[in-house]
Amino acid sequence: MAHTSNDGRPAAGSQNSKEPLIRQVIGLFGQVQRRMEAEDDEERQWMARNCDNAAIIGLLKDTTVTELHVLDAIGRLEPVNGITVSRQFGIPKGSVSKITRRLTAKGLIQKQFLPNNKKEVLFRTTPLGQELFRLHEALHRQMEQGVVRFLQKYDDAELRVLVRILQDSLQASWVNPQASSGPDDEAREAEPPSA
């Protein structure tokens, strides 16, 4: 139970009462991150089970998650250049360049040059790449359905808290916490505590 001073504000020592919960949250974030990384194999297994093309199944074994994301970006935006893929999906330009070379070597995408500009390279999926792109889209639909089923067990108030936490975390810097206070934080700090 949080201790309060005579004026109804939390007592100075009550901040320490949050510490065990904060430690638990930090530990759980780490566990969730490790679980999501481990799900990469589960995702590959799902795609392999839901594909009857042996060439795709063989490619899945050595195709990274980032390669699948770049293939996904190209499949959605084609014809598209590497700079657009980088900007739209937040993947560094150098990584996009390396990944597009690997995807080309695997026969999943092809380069296309503009007639009057030999420097500008556009990427398109090959028929094999288009098949893997569609399979990856199906995986994401399956995952979205799973997330929706999972979140259905929470009530509206709990979901609003989760939305707020996720929105706030997008603005936060874990390395430089003081740099991430925004207008909402300043307003909360300026408000007198409610009784």
Protein backbone atom coordinates (compact mmCIF):
# COMPACT_ATOMS: atom_id res chain seq x y z
CA MET A 1 0.00 0.00 0.00
CA ALA A 2 1.40 3.42 -0.97
CA HIS A 3 2.05 5.80 1.87
CA THR A 4 0.76 9.37 1.59
CA SER A 5 1.71 12.56 3.37
CA ASN A 6 -0.83 14.72 5.24
CA ASP A 7 -1.74 16.59 2.05
CA GLY A 8 -2.61 13.38 0.14
CA ARG A 9 0.52 13.33 -2.04
CA PRO A 10 2.65 10.16 -2.20
CA ALA A 11 5.29 10.12 0.50
CA ALA A 12 8.93 10.28 -0.58
CA GLY A 13 9.52 6.58 0.17
CA SER A 14 6.61 5.37 -1.98
CA GLN A 15 8.68 5.62 -5.17
CA ASN A 16 10.69 2.69 -3.83
CA SER A 17 7.50 0.62 -3.59
CA LYS A 18 7.30 0.68 -7.41
CA GLU A 19 10.81 -0.71 -7.79
CA PRO A 20 9.91 -4.43 -7.53
CA LEU A 21 7.18 -3.98 -10.16
CA ILE A 22 9.51 -2.01 -12.41
CA ARG A 23 12.14 -4.75 -12.09
CA GLN A 24 9.48 -7.32 -12.96
CA VAL A 25 8.43 -5.30 -16.05
CA ILE A 26 12.06 -5.02 -17.20
CA GLY A 27 12.54 -8.77 -16.77
CA LEU A 28 9.33 -9.51 -18.66
CA PHE A 29 10.34 -7.21 -21.53
CA GLY A 30 13.54 -9.23 -21.88
CA GLN A 31 11.63 -12.50 -21.83
CA VAL A 32 9.13 -11.25 -24.43
CA GLN A 33 11.98 -10.10 -26.67
CA ARG A 34 13.72 -13.49 -26.44
CA ARG A 35 10.43 -15.28 -27.11
CA MET A 36 9.76 -13.15 -30.19
CA GLU A 37 13.25 -13.90 -31.50
CA ALA A 38 12.64 -17.61 -30.92
CA GLU A 39 9.39 -17.36 -32.88
CA ASP A 40 11.42 -16.79 -36.06
CA ASP A 41 11.77 -20.57 -36.27
CA GLU A 42 8.07 -21.05 -35.56
CA GLU A 43 7.24 -18.61 -38.37
CA ARG A 44 9.50 -20.48 -40.82
CA GLN A 45 7.87 -23.77 -39.81
CA TRP A 46 4.39 -22.29 -40.38
CA MET A 47 5.41 -21.03 -43.84
CA ALA A 48 6.98 -24.40 -44.73
CA ARG A 49 3.81 -26.24 -43.62
CA ASN A 50 1.65 -23.89 -45.69
CA CYS A 51 3.71 -24.08 -48.88
CA ASP A 52 3.90 -26.85 -51.45
CA ASN A 53 6.80 -25.37 -53.44
CA ALA A 54 10.02 -27.20 -52.56
CA ALA A 55 12.13 -24.29 -53.86
CA ILE A 56 10.47 -21.88 -51.40
CA ILE A 57 10.79 -24.37 -48.54
CA GLY A 58 14.51 -24.69 -49.33
CA LEU A 59 14.96 -20.91 -49.43
CA LEU A 60 13.24 -20.47 -46.06
CA LYS A 61 16.09 -22.28 -44.31
CA ASP A 62 18.61 -19.54 -45.09
CA THR A 63 16.42 -16.45 -45.55
CA THR A 64 16.65 -14.00 -42.67
CA VAL A 65 13.77 -12.07 -41.15
CA THR A 66 15.24 -8.82 -42.50
CA GLU A 67 15.43 -10.34 -45.98
CA LEU A 68 11.75 -11.25 -45.70
CA HIS A 69 10.96 -7.67 -44.63
CA VAL A 70 12.83 -6.22 -47.62
CA LEU A 71 11.09 -8.71 -49.93
CA ASP A 72 7.80 -7.67 -48.33
CA ALA A 73 8.57 -3.98 -48.97
CA ILE A 74 9.48 -4.66 -52.60
CA GLY A 75 6.35 -6.79 -53.09
CA ARG A 76 4.15 -4.01 -51.71
CA LEU A 77 5.76 -1.10 -53.56
CA GLU A 78 7.18 -2.59 -56.75
CA PRO A 79 8.75 -1.31 -58.85
CA VAL A 80 10.72 0.41 -56.09
CA ASN A 81 14.23 1.67 -55.48
CA GLY A 82 16.35 0.88 -52.43
CA ILE A 83 16.12 4.41 -51.01
CA THR A 84 12.32 4.20 -50.85
CA VAL A 85 12.51 0.78 -49.17
CA SER A 86 14.95 2.25 -46.65
CA ARG A 87 12.77 5.29 -45.88
CA GLN A 88 9.41 3.52 -45.80
CA PHE A 89 10.50 0.66 -43.58
CA GLY A 90 13.33 2.18 -41.53
CA ILE A 91 16.00 -0.22 -42.79
CA PRO A 92 19.44 1.39 -43.30
CA LYS A 93 20.34 2.01 -46.97
CA GLY A 94 23.51 -0.09 -46.71
CA SER A 95 21.51 -3.02 -45.36
CA VAL A 96 18.93 -2.69 -48.13
CA SER A 97 21.74 -2.74 -50.70
CA LYS A 98 23.30 -5.92 -49.25
CA ILE A 99 19.94 -7.63 -48.84
CA THR A 100 18.77 -6.81 -52.38
CA ARG A 101 22.00 -8.40 -53.72
CA ARG A 102 21.24 -11.56 -51.71
CA LEU A 103 17.58 -11.60 -52.79
CA THR A 104 18.68 -11.19 -56.41
CA ALA A 105 21.16 -14.07 -56.07
CA LYS A 106 18.39 -16.24 -54.63
CA GLY A 107 16.17 -15.47 -57.61
CA LEU A 108 13.53 -13.70 -55.50
CA ILE A 109 13.86 -10.22 -57.00
CA GLN A 110 15.20 -8.73 -60.19
CA LYS A 111 16.75 -5.39 -61.05
CA GLN A 112 15.18 -3.08 -63.57
CA PHE A 113 16.96 -0.04 -65.00
CA LEU A 114 15.11 3.04 -66.20
CA PRO A 115 15.56 3.59 -69.97
CA ASN A 116 17.21 7.02 -69.66
CA ASN A 117 18.96 6.49 -66.33
CA LYS A 118 21.40 3.63 -65.83
CA LYS A 119 22.11 4.69 -62.22
CA GLU A 120 18.54 4.36 -60.98
CA VAL A 121 17.79 0.74 -60.11
CA LEU A 122 14.27 -0.45 -59.41
CA PHE A 123 13.43 -3.82 -57.88
CA ARG A 124 10.59 -6.18 -58.69
CA THR A 125 9.75 -9.60 -57.36
CA THR A 126 10.25 -12.60 -59.61
CA PRO A 127 7.47 -15.21 -59.79
CA LEU A 128 9.32 -17.14 -57.05
CA GLY A 129 9.70 -13.95 -55.00
CA GLN A 130 6.03 -13.12 -55.50
CA GLU A 131 5.10 -16.56 -54.16
CA LEU A 132 7.27 -16.10 -51.06
CA PHE A 133 5.89 -12.56 -50.64
CA ARG A 134 2.29 -13.90 -50.67
CA LEU A 135 3.23 -16.66 -48.22
CA HIS A 136 4.82 -14.08 -45.89
CA GLU A 137 1.65 -11.94 -46.14
CA ALA A 138 -0.43 -14.98 -45.17
CA LEU A 139 1.84 -15.52 -42.16
CA HIS A 140 1.28 -11.91 -41.06
CA ARG A 141 -2.50 -12.30 -41.40
CA GLN A 142 -2.27 -15.46 -39.26
CA MET A 143 -0.18 -13.63 -36.66
CA GLU A 144 -2.58 -10.66 -36.60
CA GLN A 145 -5.49 -13.01 -35.95
CA GLY A 146 -3.49 -14.54 -33.08
CA VAL A 147 -2.77 -11.11 -31.59
CA VAL A 148 -6.45 -10.14 -31.83
CA ARG A 149 -7.51 -13.38 -30.10
CA PHE A 150 -4.89 -12.80 -27.40
CA LEU A 151 -5.93 -9.18 -26.75
CA GLN A 152 -9.65 -10.05 -26.60
CA LYS A 153 -9.20 -11.26 -23.02
CA TYR A 154 -8.48 -7.71 -21.81
CA ASP A 155 -11.17 -5.11 -21.15
CA ASP A 156 -11.29 -1.65 -22.73
CA ALA A 157 -9.55 0.07 -19.79
CA GLU A 158 -6.68 -2.42 -19.84
CA LEU A 159 -6.28 -2.01 -23.60
CA ARG A 160 -6.24 1.80 -23.24
CA VAL A 161 -3.42 1.50 -20.68
CA LEU A 162 -1.50 -0.77 -23.06
CA VAL A 163 -2.00 1.68 -25.93
CA ARG A 164 -0.76 4.54 -23.74
CA ILE A 165 2.31 2.57 -22.64
CA LEU A 166 3.17 1.61 -26.21
CA GLN A 167 2.65 5.18 -27.49
CA ASP A 168 4.78 6.59 -24.66
CA SER A 169 7.49 4.00 -25.29
CA LEU A 170 7.78 5.17 -28.91
CA GLN A 171 8.76 8.60 -27.59
CA ALA A 172 11.04 7.34 -24.81
CA SER A 173 14.80 7.04 -24.80
CA TRP A 174 15.91 4.29 -22.46
CA VAL A 175 19.50 5.53 -22.60
CA ASN A 176 18.67 9.22 -22.09
CA PRO A 177 15.37 9.28 -20.13
CA GLN A 178 15.47 13.06 -19.56
CA ALA A 179 15.58 13.61 -23.34
CA SER A 180 12.27 11.83 -23.84
CA SER A 181 9.98 13.97 -21.72
CA GLY A 182 7.42 15.57 -23.97
CA PRO A 183 4.61 18.09 -23.47
CA ASP A 184 2.36 15.46 -21.82
CA ASP A 185 5.06 14.65 -19.26
CA GLU A 186 5.65 18.34 -18.54
CA ALA A 187 1.91 18.94 -18.14
CA ARG A 188 1.63 16.01 -15.72
CA GLU A 189 4.58 17.30 -13.73
CA ALA A 190 3.03 20.79 -13.55
CA GLU A 191 -0.39 19.54 -12.42
CA PRO A 192 -0.98 19.39 -8.70
CA PRO A 193 -1.55 15.83 -7.54
CA SER A 194 -5.18 14.79 -7.19
CA ALA A 195 -6.43 14.15 -3.70
